[in-house]
Amino acid sequence: MTAPTVLPHRDAMKAALEGAGLVVGLGGAPPTAPPSGTQTKYVALYFSPGQSVTESLADERTDFTCAFQVTCVGPTEEQCLWVADKVRGALSPRLTVAGRSAWRAEELGGPPVQRDDDVSPPLYFLPVQYALKSTS
């Protein structure tokens, strides 16, 4: 019995988002994100460590559950929401996690779009939280 690990789940999530044509940063803006301006669109992926949970009364902890946040960023509110739509589409099918069977990501929602005036020109961002489960 091998305990599940978080990194293959995070990597599968990143691959799904990149497969939808999105630029993805892990734990913040991607290092290749363009400078603030009219073409700045990306997602920042934040993952929790998750937890292994029992699959049966035998107490074999091979199931895995975790929460993660995808922060959608765009130069306008409309483009920020466009990024959120691309994220939703990318996470709609089941993820492919090496050696695991994953459920579809469950969207948990988030706050309304917000404007970041600490950068010039301002950017709009929208953090959306999800939950993910897998089994061996």
Protein backbone atom coordinates (compact mmCIF):
# COMPACT_ATOMS: atom_id res chain seq x y z
CA MET A 1 0.00 0.00 0.00
CA THR A 2 1.44 3.36 -1.06
CA ALA A 3 0.17 6.54 0.50
CA PRO A 4 -1.14 9.07 -2.04
CA THR A 5 0.93 12.19 -2.68
CA VAL A 6 -0.10 15.72 -3.60
CA LEU A 7 2.39 16.56 -6.36
CA PRO A 8 0.99 14.21 -9.04
CA HIS A 9 -2.43 15.80 -8.44
CA ARG A 10 -1.03 19.32 -8.69
CA ASP A 11 0.89 18.42 -11.85
CA ALA A 12 -2.21 16.86 -13.44
CA MET A 13 -4.16 20.03 -12.65
CA LYS A 14 -1.44 22.23 -14.16
CA ALA A 15 -1.33 20.05 -17.29
CA ALA A 16 -5.12 20.25 -17.72
CA LEU A 17 -5.06 24.05 -17.45
CA GLU A 18 -2.12 24.38 -19.85
CA GLY A 19 -3.89 22.00 -22.23
CA ALA A 20 -6.68 24.59 -22.40
CA GLY A 21 -4.15 27.19 -23.56
CA LEU A 22 -3.80 28.94 -20.20
CA VAL A 23 -0.53 30.24 -18.75
CA VAL A 24 -0.19 28.75 -15.25
CA GLY A 25 1.83 29.82 -12.23
CA LEU A 26 2.32 27.61 -9.20
CA GLY A 27 1.77 29.51 -5.96
CA GLY A 28 1.60 32.88 -7.74
CA ALA A 29 1.99 34.56 -11.08
CA PRO A 30 3.91 32.49 -13.62
CA PRO A 31 7.52 33.57 -14.15
CA THR A 32 6.75 34.01 -17.85
CA ALA A 33 3.67 36.20 -17.27
CA PRO A 34 3.78 39.29 -19.44
CA PRO A 35 4.08 42.60 -17.61
CA SER A 36 0.87 44.31 -16.59
CA GLY A 37 -0.98 45.54 -19.60
CA THR A 38 -3.70 44.72 -22.04
CA GLN A 39 -2.58 41.15 -22.81
CA THR A 40 -1.99 39.91 -19.24
CA LYS A 41 -4.12 36.78 -18.71
CA TYR A 42 -3.05 33.85 -16.56
CA VAL A 43 -4.01 31.62 -13.65
CA ALA A 44 -2.22 31.11 -10.35
CA LEU A 45 -2.67 27.63 -8.89
CA TYR A 46 -2.57 27.22 -5.09
CA PHE A 47 -2.72 23.68 -3.67
CA SER A 48 -3.32 22.41 -0.14
CA PRO A 49 -1.31 19.38 1.02
CA GLY A 50 -4.51 17.34 1.02
CA GLN A 51 -5.04 14.31 3.16
CA SER A 52 -5.08 10.57 2.73
CA VAL A 53 -8.31 9.01 3.92
CA THR A 54 -9.45 5.46 4.53
CA GLU A 55 -10.96 3.54 1.66
CA SER A 56 -12.63 0.94 3.91
CA LEU A 57 -12.96 -0.32 7.46
CA ALA A 58 -9.55 -1.97 6.97
CA ASP A 59 -8.12 1.56 7.49
CA GLU A 60 -6.03 1.47 4.32
CA ARG A 61 -5.36 5.14 3.63
CA THR A 62 -5.15 5.07 -0.14
CA ASP A 63 -7.90 7.56 -0.99
CA PHE A 64 -6.93 11.21 -1.31
CA THR A 65 -8.81 14.48 -1.03
CA CYS A 66 -7.53 18.02 -1.36
CA ALA A 67 -8.59 21.59 -1.91
CA PHE A 68 -7.03 23.99 -4.35
CA GLN A 69 -7.60 27.47 -5.65
CA VAL A 70 -7.29 28.77 -9.18
CA THR A 71 -6.92 32.55 -9.23
CA CYS A 72 -7.94 33.87 -12.64
CA VAL A 73 -6.25 37.11 -13.74
CA GLY A 74 -7.03 39.46 -16.60
CA PRO A 75 -6.64 43.10 -17.63
CA THR A 76 -10.42 43.67 -17.62
CA GLU A 77 -13.31 42.15 -15.72
CA GLU A 78 -14.56 40.53 -18.92
CA GLN A 79 -11.20 38.94 -19.69
CA CYS A 80 -10.86 37.75 -16.09
CA LEU A 81 -14.23 36.03 -16.42
CA TRP A 82 -13.12 34.61 -19.79
CA VAL A 83 -10.15 33.01 -18.01
CA ALA A 84 -12.55 31.60 -15.37
CA ASP A 85 -14.66 30.07 -18.15
CA LYS A 86 -11.54 28.47 -19.68
CA VAL A 87 -10.62 27.06 -16.25
CA ARG A 88 -14.11 25.62 -15.79
CA GLY A 89 -13.91 23.96 -19.20
CA ALA A 90 -10.44 22.56 -18.52
CA LEU A 91 -11.53 21.05 -15.19
CA SER A 92 -14.82 19.64 -16.44
CA PRO A 93 -13.45 16.23 -17.52
CA ARG A 94 -11.79 13.85 -15.09
CA LEU A 95 -8.11 14.52 -14.51
CA THR A 96 -5.47 12.01 -15.44
CA VAL A 97 -3.35 11.44 -12.32
CA ALA A 98 -0.55 8.89 -12.69
CA GLY A 99 -1.44 5.63 -10.93
CA ARG A 100 -4.77 6.99 -9.62
CA SER A 101 -8.43 7.24 -10.56
CA ALA A 102 -9.67 10.78 -10.00
CA TRP A 103 -13.15 12.20 -9.67
CA ARG A 104 -14.02 15.32 -11.61
CA ALA A 105 -12.91 18.44 -9.74
CA GLU A 106 -15.77 19.90 -7.69
CA GLU A 107 -16.18 23.65 -8.01
CA LEU A 108 -16.73 25.27 -4.60
CA GLY A 109 -17.04 28.86 -5.82
CA GLY A 110 -15.42 32.04 -4.63
CA PRO A 111 -15.91 35.78 -4.23
CA PRO A 112 -16.83 38.18 -7.02
CA VAL A 113 -14.20 39.57 -9.40
CA GLN A 114 -11.93 42.09 -7.70
CA ARG A 115 -9.70 44.85 -9.04
CA ASP A 116 -6.04 45.07 -7.98
CA ASP A 117 -5.04 48.72 -7.97
CA ASP A 118 -1.58 47.91 -6.52
CA VAL A 119 -0.29 47.23 -10.04
CA SER A 120 -0.25 49.65 -12.93
CA PRO A 121 -2.31 49.34 -14.97
CA PRO A 122 -4.76 47.57 -12.63
CA LEU A 123 -5.56 43.88 -13.08
CA TYR A 124 -8.74 42.00 -12.22
CA PHE A 125 -8.62 38.72 -10.32
CA LEU A 126 -11.05 36.01 -9.31
CA PRO A 127 -10.11 33.22 -6.87
CA VAL A 128 -12.17 30.07 -7.44
CA GLN A 129 -11.85 27.12 -5.07
CA TYR A 130 -12.18 23.46 -6.00
CA ALA A 131 -11.99 20.06 -4.30
CA LEU A 132 -10.41 16.97 -5.80
CA LYS A 133 -10.61 13.31 -4.82
CA SER A 134 -8.78 10.24 -6.09
CA THR A 135 -8.33 6.59 -5.26
CA SER A 136 -5.73 3.97 -6.12
